[in-house]
Amino acid sequence: MNATRLCMLGLMAGTLVGLGGGCYTAPFKPPQGVIFTQVKAPLMVNQKHTPVAQTSGSASSSSFHLWYVDLAWDDCSIDKAAKAGGITNVQYADYEFFSVLGVYTRMTVTAYGDKAAVKPAE
């Protein structure tokens, strides 16, 4: 194999490895420790104008990463967390990020807000 072909193959392999990480599309990126990470923080903050909510609901998503194999499942959206708690008006949300060795991760979103008022039957 001549030097030009070897150089082109190396360049293509490097590009593929660089692109293999995927895109992180969440509005935040939690800090990640090497061995263990557990972080809990607000997703939405408006503390001066937000009343303390009485109702909450949570939704989680997990992922498994080993070499170049990534498996992720479930939905941790604010919408799913609100539906789980029966919330119709989301006032604020928190997230919790858990990771072990960067191989297993779990993201949990908790939404806080008001339930729909149920009218008594007449």
PDB file of N, CA and C in Angstrom:
ATOM      1  N   MET A   1       0.850  -1.170   0.000  1.00  0.00           N
ATOM      2  CA  MET A   1       0.000   0.000   0.000  1.00  0.00           C
ATOM      3  C   MET A   1       0.899   1.238   0.000  1.00  0.00           C
ATOM      4  N   ASN A   2       0.598   2.180  -0.880  1.00  0.00           N
ATOM      5  CA  ASN A   2       1.453   3.357  -0.932  1.00  0.00           C
ATOM      6  C   ASN A   2       1.076   4.363   0.160  1.00  0.00           C
ATOM      7  N   ALA A   3       1.922   5.337   0.368  1.00  0.00           N
ATOM      8  CA  ALA A   3       1.771   6.301   1.469  1.00  0.00           C
ATOM      9  C   ALA A   3       0.506   7.149   1.320  1.00  0.00           C
ATOM     10  N   THR A   4       0.114   7.489   0.086  1.00  0.00           N
ATOM     11  CA  THR A   4      -1.074   8.311  -0.125  1.00  0.00           C
ATOM     12  C   THR A   4      -2.329   7.572   0.325  1.00  0.00           C
ATOM     13  N   ARG A   5      -2.465   6.304  -0.054  1.00  0.00           N
ATOM     14  CA  ARG A   5      -3.624   5.514   0.360  1.00  0.00           C
ATOM     15  C   ARG A   5      -3.657   5.326   1.873  1.00  0.00           C
ATOM     16  N   LEU A   6      -2.527   5.074   2.460  1.00  0.00           N
ATOM     17  CA  LEU A   6      -2.451   4.886   3.895  1.00  0.00           C
ATOM     18  C   LEU A   6      -2.856   6.169   4.632  1.00  0.00           C
ATOM     19  N   CYS A   7      -2.410   7.307   4.123  1.00  0.00           N
ATOM     20  CA  CYS A   7      -2.761   8.595   4.711  1.00  0.00           C
ATOM     21  C   CYS A   7      -4.265   8.857   4.599  1.00  0.00           C
ATOM     22  N   MET A   8      -4.863   8.572   3.444  1.00  0.00           N
ATOM     23  CA  MET A   8      -6.306   8.766   3.231  1.00  0.00           C
ATOM     24  C   MET A   8      -7.112   7.851   4.144  1.00  0.00           C
ATOM     25  N   LEU A   9      -6.700   6.601   4.287  1.00  0.00           N
ATOM     26  CA  LEU A   9      -7.394   5.673   5.181  1.00  0.00           C
ATOM     27  C   LEU A   9      -7.320   6.149   6.634  1.00  0.00           C
ATOM     28  N   GLY A  10      -6.155   6.636   7.035  1.00  0.00           N
ATOM     29  CA  GLY A  10      -6.001   7.163   8.394  1.00  0.00           C
ATOM     30  C   GLY A  10      -6.883   8.372   8.632  1.00  0.00           C
ATOM     31  N   LEU A  11      -6.970   9.262   7.640  1.00  0.00           N
ATOM     32  CA  LEU A  11      -7.803  10.452   7.751  1.00  0.00           C
ATOM     33  C   LEU A  11      -9.281  10.077   7.844  1.00  0.00           C
ATOM     34  N   MET A  12      -9.719   9.136   7.020  1.00  0.00           N
ATOM     35  CA  MET A  12     -11.116   8.691   7.063  1.00  0.00           C
ATOM     36  C   MET A  12     -11.428   8.002   8.382  1.00  0.00           C
ATOM     37  N   ALA A  13     -10.532   7.163   8.873  1.00  0.00           N
ATOM     38  CA  ALA A  13     -10.753   6.477  10.146  1.00  0.00           C
ATOM     39  C   ALA A  13     -10.827   7.483  11.290  1.00  0.00           C
ATOM     40  N   GLY A  14      -9.955   8.470  11.286  1.00  0.00           N
ATOM     41  CA  GLY A  14      -9.980   9.500  12.322  1.00  0.00           C
ATOM     42  C   GLY A  14     -11.272  10.306  12.295  1.00  0.00           C
ATOM     43  N   THR A  15     -11.760  10.602  11.098  1.00  0.00           N
ATOM     44  CA  THR A  15     -13.019  11.331  10.960  1.00  0.00           C
ATOM     45  C   THR A  15     -14.173  10.509  11.500  1.00  0.00           C
ATOM     46  N   LEU A  16     -14.224   9.234  11.166  1.00  0.00           N
ATOM     47  CA  LEU A  16     -15.302   8.366  11.654  1.00  0.00           C
ATOM     48  C   LEU A  16     -15.268   8.234  13.172  1.00  0.00           C
ATOM     49  N   VAL A  17     -14.094   8.112  13.743  1.00  0.00           N
ATOM     50  CA  VAL A  17     -13.980   8.019  15.204  1.00  0.00           C
ATOM     51  C   VAL A  17     -14.436   9.321  15.840  1.00  0.00           C
ATOM     52  N   GLY A  18     -14.076  10.443  15.259  1.00  0.00           N
ATOM     53  CA  GLY A  18     -14.481  11.743  15.787  1.00  0.00           C
ATOM     54  C   GLY A  18     -15.974  11.972  15.700  1.00  0.00           C
ATOM     55  N   LEU A  19     -16.610  11.450  14.675  1.00  0.00           N
ATOM     56  CA  LEU A  19     -18.051  11.616  14.512  1.00  0.00           C
ATOM     57  C   LEU A  19     -18.840  10.573  15.277  1.00  0.00           C
ATOM     58  N   GLY A  20     -18.192   9.549  15.765  1.00  0.00           N
ATOM     59  CA  GLY A  20     -18.885   8.450  16.428  1.00  0.00           C
ATOM     60  C   GLY A  20     -19.493   8.806  17.766  1.00  0.00           C
ATOM     61  N   GLY A  21     -19.166   9.953  18.344  1.00  0.00           N
ATOM     62  CA  GLY A  21     -19.687  10.336  19.649  1.00  0.00           C
ATOM     63  C   GLY A  21     -21.131  10.772  19.629  1.00  0.00           C
ATOM     64  N   GLY A  22     -21.694  11.072  18.462  1.00  0.00           N
ATOM     65  CA  GLY A  22     -23.083  11.497  18.386  1.00  0.00           C
ATOM     66  C   GLY A  22     -23.244  12.937  18.823  1.00  0.00           C
ATOM     67  N   CYS A  23     -24.484  13.388  18.828  1.00  0.00           N
ATOM     68  CA  CYS A  23     -24.797  14.764  19.209  1.00  0.00           C
ATOM     69  C   CYS A  23     -25.556  14.776  20.519  1.00  0.00           C
ATOM     70  N   TYR A  24     -25.228  15.679  21.392  1.00  0.00           N
ATOM     71  CA  TYR A  24     -25.934  15.841  22.652  1.00  0.00           C
ATOM     72  C   TYR A  24     -26.904  16.984  22.452  1.00  0.00           C
ATOM     73  N   THR A  25     -28.221  16.703  22.412  1.00  0.00           N
ATOM     74  CA  THR A  25     -29.191  17.722  22.061  1.00  0.00           C
ATOM     75  C   THR A  25     -29.987  18.262  23.241  1.00  0.00           C
ATOM     76  N   ALA A  26     -29.673  17.834  24.452  1.00  0.00           N
ATOM     77  CA  ALA A  26     -30.386  18.350  25.620  1.00  0.00           C
ATOM     78  C   ALA A  26     -29.984  19.803  25.854  1.00  0.00           C
ATOM     79  N   PRO A  27     -30.841  20.563  26.554  1.00  0.00           N
ATOM     80  CA  PRO A  27     -30.510  21.971  26.790  1.00  0.00           C
ATOM     81  C   PRO A  27     -29.428  22.166  27.847  1.00  0.00           C
ATOM     82  N   PHE A  28     -28.877  21.102  28.369  1.00  0.00           N
ATOM     83  CA  PHE A  28     -27.832  21.167  29.380  1.00  0.00           C
ATOM     84  C   PHE A  28     -26.976  19.927  29.257  1.00  0.00           C
ATOM     85  N   LYS A  29     -25.783  19.980  29.808  1.00  0.00           N
ATOM     86  CA  LYS A  29     -24.923  18.806  29.866  1.00  0.00           C
ATOM     87  C   LYS A  29     -24.448  18.672  31.303  1.00  0.00           C
ATOM     88  N   PRO A  30     -24.937  17.616  31.996  1.00  0.00           N
ATOM     89  CA  PRO A  30     -24.538  17.464  33.389  1.00  0.00           C
ATOM     90  C   PRO A  30     -23.053  17.152  33.519  1.00  0.00           C
ATOM     91  N   PRO A  31     -22.440  17.538  34.630  1.00  0.00           N
ATOM     92  CA  PRO A  31     -21.031  17.189  34.844  1.00  0.00           C
ATOM     93  C   PRO A  31     -20.885  15.680  34.944  1.00  0.00           C
ATOM     94  N   GLN A  32     -19.769  15.147  34.513  1.00  0.00           N
ATOM     95  CA  GLN A  32     -19.577  13.704  34.521  1.00  0.00           C
ATOM     96  C   GLN A  32     -18.274  13.347  35.215  1.00  0.00           C
ATOM     97  N   GLY A  33     -18.385  12.550  36.269  1.00  0.00           N
ATOM     98  CA  GLY A  33     -17.209  12.043  36.956  1.00  0.00           C
ATOM     99  C   GLY A  33     -16.671  10.814  36.246  1.00  0.00           C
ATOM    100  N   VAL A  34     -15.473  10.403  36.575  1.00  0.00           N
ATOM    101  CA  VAL A  34     -14.853   9.258  35.924  1.00  0.00           C
ATOM    102  C   VAL A  34     -15.423   7.947  36.462  1.00  0.00           C
ATOM    103  N   ILE A  35     -15.574   7.842  37.787  1.00  0.00           N
ATOM    104  CA  ILE A  35     -16.029   6.583  38.381  1.00  0.00           C
ATOM    105  C   ILE A  35     -17.520   6.611  38.675  1.00  0.00           C
ATOM    106  N   PHE A  36     -17.999   7.668  39.315  1.00  0.00           N
ATOM    107  CA  PHE A  36     -19.382   7.734  39.756  1.00  0.00           C
ATOM    108  C   PHE A  36     -19.852   9.177  39.713  1.00  0.00           C
ATOM    109  N   THR A  37     -21.073   9.389  39.260  1.00  0.00           N
ATOM    110  CA  THR A  37     -21.656  10.725  39.236  1.00  0.00           C
ATOM    111  C   THR A  37     -23.102  10.647  39.703  1.00  0.00           C
ATOM    112  N   GLN A  38     -23.493  11.543  40.576  1.00  0.00           N
ATOM    113  CA  GLN A  38     -24.893  11.715  40.926  1.00  0.00           C
ATOM    114  C   GLN A  38     -25.110  13.196  41.177  1.00  0.00           C
ATOM    115  N   VAL A  39     -25.883  13.827  40.295  1.00  0.00           N
ATOM    116  CA  VAL A  39     -26.115  15.265  40.337  1.00  0.00           C
ATOM    117  C   VAL A  39     -27.613  15.504  40.313  1.00  0.00           C
ATOM    118  N   LYS A  40     -28.075  16.428  41.139  1.00  0.00           N
ATOM    119  CA  LYS A  40     -29.477  16.836  41.128  1.00  0.00           C
ATOM    120  C   LYS A  40     -29.486  18.351  41.079  1.00  0.00           C
ATOM    121  N   ALA A  41     -30.209  18.920  40.101  1.00  0.00           N
ATOM    122  CA  ALA A  41     -30.202  20.374  39.920  1.00  0.00           C
ATOM    123  C   ALA A  41     -31.490  20.813  39.233  1.00  0.00           C
ATOM    124  N   PRO A  42     -31.808  22.101  39.307  1.00  0.00           N
ATOM    125  CA  PRO A  42     -33.017  22.604  38.633  1.00  0.00           C
ATOM    126  C   PRO A  42     -32.822  22.675  37.125  1.00  0.00           C
ATOM    127  N   LEU A  43     -33.888  22.379  36.407  1.00  0.00           N
ATOM    128  CA  LEU A  43     -33.900  22.559  34.952  1.00  0.00           C
ATOM    129  C   LEU A  43     -34.442  23.930  34.600  1.00  0.00           C
ATOM    130  N   MET A  44     -35.445  24.353  35.330  1.00  0.00           N
ATOM    131  CA  MET A  44     -36.088  25.637  35.086  1.00  0.00           C
ATOM    132  C   MET A  44     -36.039  26.425  36.394  1.00  0.00           C
ATOM    133  N   VAL A  45     -35.560  27.641  36.333  1.00  0.00           N
ATOM    134  CA  VAL A  45     -35.434  28.435  37.555  1.00  0.00           C
ATOM    135  C   VAL A  45     -36.111  29.789  37.361  1.00  0.00           C
ATOM    136  N   ASN A  46     -37.057  30.079  38.222  1.00  0.00           N
ATOM    137  CA  ASN A  46     -37.689  31.391  38.294  1.00  0.00           C
ATOM    138  C   ASN A  46     -38.196  31.518  39.731  1.00  0.00           C
ATOM    139  N   GLN A  47     -37.288  31.504  40.670  1.00  0.00           N
ATOM    140  CA  GLN A  47     -37.640  31.374  42.078  1.00  0.00           C
ATOM    141  C   GLN A  47     -38.430  32.558  42.629  1.00  0.00           C
ATOM    142  N   LYS A  48     -38.251  33.735  42.095  1.00  0.00           N
ATOM    143  CA  LYS A  48     -38.965  34.902  42.624  1.00  0.00           C
ATOM    144  C   LYS A  48     -40.455  34.861  42.300  1.00  0.00           C
ATOM    145  N   HIS A  49     -40.793  34.289  41.156  1.00  0.00           N
ATOM    146  CA  HIS A  49     -42.173  34.356  40.688  1.00  0.00           C
ATOM    147  C   HIS A  49     -42.858  32.993  40.613  1.00  0.00           C
ATOM    148  N   THR A  50     -42.255  31.958  41.148  1.00  0.00           N
ATOM    149  CA  THR A  50     -42.844  30.625  41.057  1.00  0.00           C
ATOM    150  C   THR A  50     -43.292  30.163  42.432  1.00  0.00           C
ATOM    151  N   PRO A  51     -44.597  29.869  42.577  1.00  0.00           N
ATOM    152  CA  PRO A  51     -45.066  29.348  43.861  1.00  0.00           C
ATOM    153  C   PRO A  51     -44.583  27.905  44.059  1.00  0.00           C
ATOM    154  N   VAL A  52     -44.580  27.458  45.301  1.00  0.00           N
ATOM    155  CA  VAL A  52     -44.180  26.084  45.592  1.00  0.00           C
ATOM    156  C   VAL A  52     -45.299  25.154  45.133  1.00  0.00           C
ATOM    157  N   ALA A  53     -44.978  24.241  44.255  1.00  0.00           N
ATOM    158  CA  ALA A  53     -45.969  23.330  43.697  1.00  0.00           C
ATOM    159  C   ALA A  53     -46.286  22.219  44.692  1.00  0.00           C
ATOM    160  N   GLN A  54     -47.503  21.754  44.658  1.00  0.00           N
ATOM    161  CA  GLN A  54     -47.945  20.684  45.544  1.00  0.00           C
ATOM    162  C   GLN A  54     -47.884  19.319  44.884  1.00  0.00           C
ATOM    163  N   THR A  55     -47.771  19.270  43.574  1.00  0.00           N
ATOM    164  CA  THR A  55     -47.826  18.016  42.826  1.00  0.00           C
ATOM    165  C   THR A  55     -46.565  17.837  42.004  1.00  0.00           C
ATOM    166  N   SER A  56     -46.106  16.593  41.895  1.00  0.00           N
ATOM    167  CA  SER A  56     -44.939  16.315  41.059  1.00  0.00           C
ATOM    168  C   SER A  56     -45.124  14.985  40.333  1.00  0.00           C
ATOM    169  N   GLY A  57     -44.377  14.839  39.267  1.00  0.00           N
ATOM    170  CA  GLY A  57     -44.346  13.594  38.497  1.00  0.00           C
ATOM    171  C   GLY A  57     -42.961  13.434  37.913  1.00  0.00           C
ATOM    172  N   SER A  58     -42.509  12.192  37.758  1.00  0.00           N
ATOM    173  CA  SER A  58     -41.152  11.934  37.253  1.00  0.00           C
ATOM    174  C   SER A  58     -41.164  11.017  36.050  1.00  0.00           C
ATOM    175  N   ALA A  59     -40.114  11.149  35.236  1.00  0.00           N
ATOM    176  CA  ALA A  59     -39.891  10.266  34.092  1.00  0.00           C
ATOM    177  C   ALA A  59     -38.389  10.040  33.976  1.00  0.00           C
ATOM    178  N   SER A  60     -37.982   8.814  33.649  1.00  0.00           N
ATOM    179  CA  SER A  60     -36.558   8.472  33.572  1.00  0.00           C
ATOM    180  C   SER A  60     -36.193   7.872  32.227  1.00  0.00           C
ATOM    181  N   SER A  61     -34.945   8.046  31.876  1.00  0.00           N
ATOM    182  CA  SER A  61     -34.361   7.452  30.685  1.00  0.00           C
ATOM    183  C   SER A  61     -33.010   6.875  31.073  1.00  0.00           C
ATOM    184  N   SER A  62     -32.672   5.718  30.515  1.00  0.00           N
ATOM    185  CA  SER A  62     -31.399   5.071  30.834  1.00  0.00           C
ATOM    186  C   SER A  62     -30.616   4.809  29.562  1.00  0.00           C
ATOM    187  N   SER A  63     -29.306   4.664  29.716  1.00  0.00           N
ATOM    188  CA  SER A  63     -28.475   4.322  28.563  1.00  0.00           C
ATOM    189  C   SER A  63     -27.299   3.464  29.007  1.00  0.00           C
ATOM    190  N   PHE A  64     -26.799   2.709  28.061  1.00  0.00           N
ATOM    191  CA  PHE A  64     -25.674   1.813  28.281  1.00  0.00           C
ATOM    192  C   PHE A  64     -24.682   2.068  27.154  1.00  0.00           C
ATOM    193  N   HIS A  65     -23.432   2.343  27.486  1.00  0.00           N
ATOM    194  CA  HIS A  65     -22.406   2.654  26.490  1.00  0.00           C
ATOM    195  C   HIS A  65     -21.198   1.754  26.727  1.00  0.00           C
ATOM    196  N   LEU A  66     -20.815   1.006  25.713  1.00  0.00           N
ATOM    197  CA  LEU A  66     -19.635   0.165  25.795  1.00  0.00           C
ATOM    198  C   LEU A  66     -18.942   0.206  24.437  1.00  0.00           C
ATOM    199  N   TRP A  67     -17.731   0.700  24.403  1.00  0.00           N
ATOM    200  CA  TRP A  67     -16.969   0.945  23.188  1.00  0.00           C
ATOM    201  C   TRP A  67     -17.778   1.797  22.237  1.00  0.00           C
ATOM    202  N   TYR A  68     -18.149   1.284  21.088  1.00  0.00           N
ATOM    203  CA  TYR A  68     -18.926   2.073  20.127  1.00  0.00           C
ATOM    204  C   TYR A  68     -20.367   1.617  20.054  1.00  0.00           C
ATOM    205  N   VAL A  69     -20.848   0.951  21.080  1.00  0.00           N
ATOM    206  CA  VAL A  69     -22.237   0.499  21.129  1.00  0.00           C
ATOM    207  C   VAL A  69     -22.969   1.341  22.166  1.00  0.00           C
ATOM    208  N   ASP A  70     -23.984   2.063  21.738  1.00  0.00           N
ATOM    209  CA  ASP A  70     -24.805   2.877  22.630  1.00  0.00           C
ATOM    210  C   ASP A  70     -26.242   2.371  22.575  1.00  0.00           C
ATOM    211  N   LEU A  71     -26.800   2.064  23.715  1.00  0.00           N
ATOM    212  CA  LEU A  71     -28.196   1.664  23.818  1.00  0.00           C
ATOM    213  C   LEU A  71     -28.880   2.618  24.777  1.00  0.00           C
ATOM    214  N   ALA A  72     -29.987   3.178  24.374  1.00  0.00           N
ATOM    215  CA  ALA A  72     -30.737   4.090  25.238  1.00  0.00           C
ATOM    216  C   ALA A  72     -32.215   3.749  25.123  1.00  0.00           C
ATOM    217  N   TRP A  73     -32.935   3.896  26.250  1.00  0.00           N
ATOM    218  CA  TRP A  73     -34.344   3.557  26.222  1.00  0.00           C
ATOM    219  C   TRP A  73     -35.125   4.465  27.163  1.00  0.00           C
ATOM    220  N   ASP A  74     -36.375   4.630  26.850  1.00  0.00           N
ATOM    221  CA  ASP A  74     -37.379   5.377  27.590  1.00  0.00           C
ATOM    222  C   ASP A  74     -37.309   6.869  27.297  1.00  0.00           C
ATOM    223  N   ASP A  75     -38.189   7.616  27.910  1.00  0.00           N
ATOM    224  CA  ASP A  75     -38.382   9.034  27.627  1.00  0.00           C
ATOM    225  C   ASP A  75     -38.366   9.793  28.946  1.00  0.00           C
ATOM    226  N   CYS A  76     -37.502  10.776  29.065  1.00  0.00           N
ATOM    227  CA  CYS A  76     -37.458  11.570  30.298  1.00  0.00           C
ATOM    228  C   CYS A  76     -37.827  13.026  30.029  1.00  0.00           C
ATOM    229  N   SER A  77     -38.806  13.223  29.166  1.00  0.00           N
ATOM    230  CA  SER A  77     -39.213  14.585  28.835  1.00  0.00           C
ATOM    231  C   SER A  77     -40.066  15.192  29.950  1.00  0.00           C
ATOM    232  N   ILE A  78     -40.126  16.504  29.978  1.00  0.00           N
ATOM    233  CA  ILE A  78     -40.967  17.197  30.948  1.00  0.00           C
ATOM    234  C   ILE A  78     -42.422  16.831  30.715  1.00  0.00           C
ATOM    235  N   ASP A  79     -42.820  16.665  29.468  1.00  0.00           N
ATOM    236  CA  ASP A  79     -44.193  16.291  29.129  1.00  0.00           C
ATOM    237  C   ASP A  79     -44.560  14.945  29.755  1.00  0.00           C
ATOM    238  N   LYS A  80     -43.694  13.953  29.633  1.00  0.00           N
ATOM    239  CA  LYS A  80     -43.978  12.633  30.207  1.00  0.00           C
ATOM    240  C   LYS A  80     -44.007  12.700  31.736  1.00  0.00           C
ATOM    241  N   ALA A  81     -43.108  13.467  32.342  1.00  0.00           N
ATOM    242  CA  ALA A  81     -43.100  13.619  33.797  1.00  0.00           C
ATOM    243  C   ALA A  81     -44.391  14.290  34.272  1.00  0.00           C
ATOM    244  N   ALA A  82     -44.843  15.305  33.538  1.00  0.00           N
ATOM    245  CA  ALA A  82     -46.090  15.987  33.898  1.00  0.00           C
ATOM    246  C   ALA A  82     -47.279  15.042  33.794  1.00  0.00           C
ATOM    247  N   LYS A  83     -47.328  14.258  32.733  1.00  0.00           N
ATOM    248  CA  LYS A  83     -48.424  13.292  32.572  1.00  0.00           C
ATOM    249  C   LYS A  83     -48.401  12.252  33.686  1.00  0.00           C
ATOM    250  N   ALA A  84     -47.213  11.826  34.105  1.00  0.00           N
ATOM    251  CA  ALA A  84     -47.101  10.829  35.181  1.00  0.00           C
ATOM    252  C   ALA A  84     -47.648  11.370  36.500  1.00  0.00           C
ATOM    253  N   GLY A  85     -47.555  12.668  36.710  1.00  0.00           N
ATOM    254  CA  GLY A  85     -48.056  13.279  37.933  1.00  0.00           C
ATOM    255  C   GLY A  85     -49.443  13.876  37.781  1.00  0.00           C
ATOM    256  N   GLY A  86     -50.030  13.772  36.595  1.00  0.00           N
ATOM    257  CA  GLY A  86     -51.338  14.367  36.361  1.00  0.00           C
ATOM    258  C   GLY A  86     -51.305  15.877  36.356  1.00  0.00           C
ATOM    259  N   ILE A  87     -50.175  16.451  36.008  1.00  0.00           N
ATOM    260  CA  ILE A  87     -49.980  17.903  36.049  1.00  0.00           C
ATOM    261  C   ILE A  87     -50.423  18.521  34.725  1.00  0.00           C
ATOM    262  N   THR A  88     -51.228  19.579  34.817  1.00  0.00           N
ATOM    263  CA  THR A  88     -51.668  20.280  33.612  1.00  0.00           C
ATOM    264  C   THR A  88     -50.923  21.585  33.400  1.00  0.00           C
ATOM    265  N   ASN A  89     -50.376  22.159  34.473  1.00  0.00           N
ATOM    266  CA  ASN A  89     -49.639  23.419  34.380  1.00  0.00           C
ATOM    267  C   ASN A  89     -48.282  23.237  35.059  1.00  0.00           C
ATOM    268  N   VAL A  90     -47.218  23.037  34.282  1.00  0.00           N
ATOM    269  CA  VAL A  90     -45.878  22.832  34.838  1.00  0.00           C
ATOM    270  C   VAL A  90     -45.321  24.185  35.278  1.00  0.00           C
ATOM    271  N   GLN A  91     -44.909  24.266  36.549  1.00  0.00           N
ATOM    272  CA  GLN A  91     -44.344  25.500  37.072  1.00  0.00           C
ATOM    273  C   GLN A  91     -42.819  25.487  37.031  1.00  0.00           C
ATOM    274  N   TYR A  92     -42.214  24.345  37.308  1.00  0.00           N
ATOM    275  CA  TYR A  92     -40.767  24.214  37.225  1.00  0.00           C
ATOM    276  C   TYR A  92     -40.399  22.740  37.163  1.00  0.00           C
ATOM    277  N   ALA A  93     -39.116  22.457  36.898  1.00  0.00           N
ATOM    278  CA  ALA A  93     -38.658  21.070  36.764  1.00  0.00           C
ATOM    279  C   ALA A  93     -37.234  20.935  37.289  1.00  0.00           C
ATOM    280  N   ASP A  94     -36.919  19.744  37.762  1.00  0.00           N
ATOM    281  CA  ASP A  94     -35.579  19.387  38.221  1.00  0.00           C
ATOM    282  C   ASP A  94     -35.096  18.185  37.417  1.00  0.00           C
ATOM    283  N   TYR A  95     -33.785  17.961  37.436  1.00  0.00           N
ATOM    284  CA  TYR A  95     -33.269  16.737  36.839  1.00  0.00           C
ATOM    285  C   TYR A  95     -32.298  16.084  37.808  1.00  0.00           C
ATOM    286  N   GLU A  96     -32.161  14.772  37.668  1.00  0.00           N
ATOM    287  CA  GLU A  96     -31.167  14.017  38.420  1.00  0.00           C
ATOM    288  C   GLU A  96     -30.415  13.154  37.417  1.00  0.00           C
ATOM    289  N   PHE A  97     -29.092  13.245  37.453  1.00  0.00           N
ATOM    290  CA  PHE A  97     -28.234  12.488  36.544  1.00  0.00           C
ATOM    291  C   PHE A  97     -27.403  11.521  37.372  1.00  0.00           C
ATOM    292  N   PHE A  98     -27.382  10.250  36.969  1.00  0.00           N
ATOM    293  CA  PHE A  98     -26.651   9.202  37.668  1.00  0.00           C
ATOM    294  C   PHE A  98     -25.818   8.435  36.648  1.00  0.00           C
ATOM    295  N   SER A  99     -24.536   8.204  36.955  1.00  0.00           N
ATOM    296  CA  SER A  99     -23.654   7.501  36.026  1.00  0.00           C
ATOM    297  C   SER A  99     -22.644   6.657  36.794  1.00  0.00           C
ATOM    298  N   VAL A 100     -22.379   5.469  36.274  1.00  0.00           N
ATOM    299  CA  VAL A 100     -21.347   4.602  36.836  1.00  0.00           C
ATOM    300  C   VAL A 100     -20.355   4.279  35.726  1.00  0.00           C
ATOM    301  N   LEU A 101     -19.119   4.734  35.898  1.00  0.00           N
ATOM    302  CA  LEU A 101     -18.015   4.501  34.954  1.00  0.00           C
ATOM    303  C   LEU A 101     -18.309   4.992  33.541  1.00  0.00           C
ATOM    304  N   GLY A 102     -19.308   5.829  33.368  1.00  0.00           N
ATOM    305  CA  GLY A 102     -19.681   6.288  32.035  1.00  0.00           C
ATOM    306  C   GLY A 102     -20.288   5.185  31.185  1.00  0.00           C
ATOM    307  N   VAL A 103     -20.478   4.010  31.760  1.00  0.00           N
ATOM    308  CA  VAL A 103     -21.039   2.875  31.023  1.00  0.00           C
ATOM    309  C   VAL A 103     -22.553   2.848  31.167  1.00  0.00           C
ATOM    310  N   TYR A 104     -23.045   3.043  32.369  1.00  0.00           N
ATOM    311  CA  TYR A 104     -24.488   3.078  32.616  1.00  0.00           C
ATOM    312  C   TYR A 104     -24.864   4.465  33.115  1.00  0.00           C
ATOM    313  N   THR A 105     -25.883   5.069  32.504  1.00  0.00           N
ATOM    314  CA  THR A 105     -26.373   6.367  32.957  1.00  0.00           C
ATOM    315  C   THR A 105     -27.895   6.333  33.062  1.00  0.00           C
ATOM    316  N   ARG A 106     -28.412   7.164  33.960  1.00  0.00           N
ATOM    317  CA  ARG A 106     -29.861   7.320  34.099  1.00  0.00           C
ATOM    318  C   ARG A 106     -30.141   8.800  34.329  1.00  0.00           C
ATOM    319  N   MET A 107     -31.080   9.319  33.585  1.00  0.00           N
ATOM    320  CA  MET A 107     -31.513  10.707  33.717  1.00  0.00           C
ATOM    321  C   MET A 107     -32.973  10.688  34.147  1.00  0.00           C
ATOM    322  N   THR A 108     -33.283  11.393  35.242  1.00  0.00           N
ATOM    323  CA  THR A 108     -34.656  11.488  35.724  1.00  0.00           C
ATOM    324  C   THR A 108     -35.052  12.948  35.757  1.00  0.00           C
ATOM    325  N   VAL A 109     -36.207  13.254  35.161  1.00  0.00           N
ATOM    326  CA  VAL A 109     -36.748  14.611  35.168  1.00  0.00           C
ATOM    327  C   VAL A 109     -37.998  14.603  36.034  1.00  0.00           C
ATOM    328  N   THR A 110     -38.085  15.560  36.950  1.00  0.00           N
ATOM    329  CA  THR A 110     -39.258  15.697  37.807  1.00  0.00           C
ATOM    330  C   THR A 110     -39.900  17.040  37.517  1.00  0.00           C
ATOM    331  N   ALA A 111     -41.177  17.006  37.165  1.00  0.00           N
ATOM    332  CA  ALA A 111     -41.937  18.223  36.886  1.00  0.00           C
ATOM    333  C   ALA A 111     -42.829  18.530  38.083  1.00  0.00           C
ATOM    334  N   TYR A 112     -42.970  19.807  38.401  1.00  0.00           N
ATOM    335  CA  TYR A 112     -43.798  20.249  39.519  1.00  0.00           C
ATOM    336  C   TYR A 112     -44.842  21.226  38.987  1.00  0.00           C
ATOM    337  N   GLY A 113     -46.064  21.135  39.501  1.00  0.00           N
ATOM    338  CA  GLY A 113     -47.097  22.055  39.035  1.00  0.00           C
ATOM    339  C   GLY A 113     -48.442  21.752  39.635  1.00  0.00           C
ATOM    340  N   ASP A 114     -49.492  22.154  38.901  1.00  0.00           N
ATOM    341  CA  ASP A 114     -50.864  22.024  39.359  1.00  0.00           C
ATOM    342  C   ASP A 114     -51.588  20.935  38.586  1.00  0.00           C
ATOM    343  N   LYS A 115     -52.479  20.234  39.305  1.00  0.00           N
ATOM    344  CA  LYS A 115     -53.378  19.274  38.659  1.00  0.00           C
ATOM    345  C   LYS A 115     -54.603  20.017  38.179  1.00  0.00           C
ATOM    346  N   ALA A 116     -55.267  19.431  37.208  1.00  0.00           N
ATOM    347  CA  ALA A 116     -56.513  20.022  36.719  1.00  0.00           C
ATOM    348  C   ALA A 116     -57.564  19.922  37.822  1.00  0.00           C
ATOM    349  N   ALA A 117     -58.316  20.972  37.984  1.00  0.00           N
ATOM    350  CA  ALA A 117     -59.383  20.951  38.974  1.00  0.00           C
ATOM    351  C   ALA A 117     -60.514  20.050  38.485  1.00  0.00           C
ATOM    352  N   VAL A 118     -60.964  19.179  39.335  1.00  0.00           N
ATOM    353  CA  VAL A 118     -62.058  18.269  38.982  1.00  0.00           C
ATOM    354  C   VAL A 118     -63.339  18.843  39.541  1.00  0.00           C
ATOM    355  N   LYS A 119     -64.301  19.077  38.643  1.00  0.00           N
ATOM    356  CA  LYS A 119     -65.592  19.628  39.066  1.00  0.00           C
ATOM    357  C   LYS A 119     -66.463  18.510  39.624  1.00  0.00           C
ATOM    358  N   PRO A 120     -67.118  18.759  40.734  1.00  0.00           N
ATOM    359  CA  PRO A 120     -68.027  17.746  41.282  1.00  0.00           C
ATOM    360  C   PRO A 120     -69.215  17.526  40.352  1.00  0.00           C
ATOM    361  N   ALA A 121     -69.685  16.276  40.322  1.00  0.00           N
ATOM    362  CA  ALA A 121     -70.844  15.938  39.486  1.00  0.00           C
ATOM    363  C   ALA A 121     -72.085  16.610  40.056  1.00  0.00           C
ATOM    364  N   GLU A 122     -72.921  17.131  39.172  1.00  0.00           N
ATOM    365  CA  GLU A 122     -74.148  17.812  39.621  1.00  0.00           C
ATOM    366  C   GLU A 122     -75.323  16.886  39.568  1.00  0.00           C
TER     367      GLU A 122
END
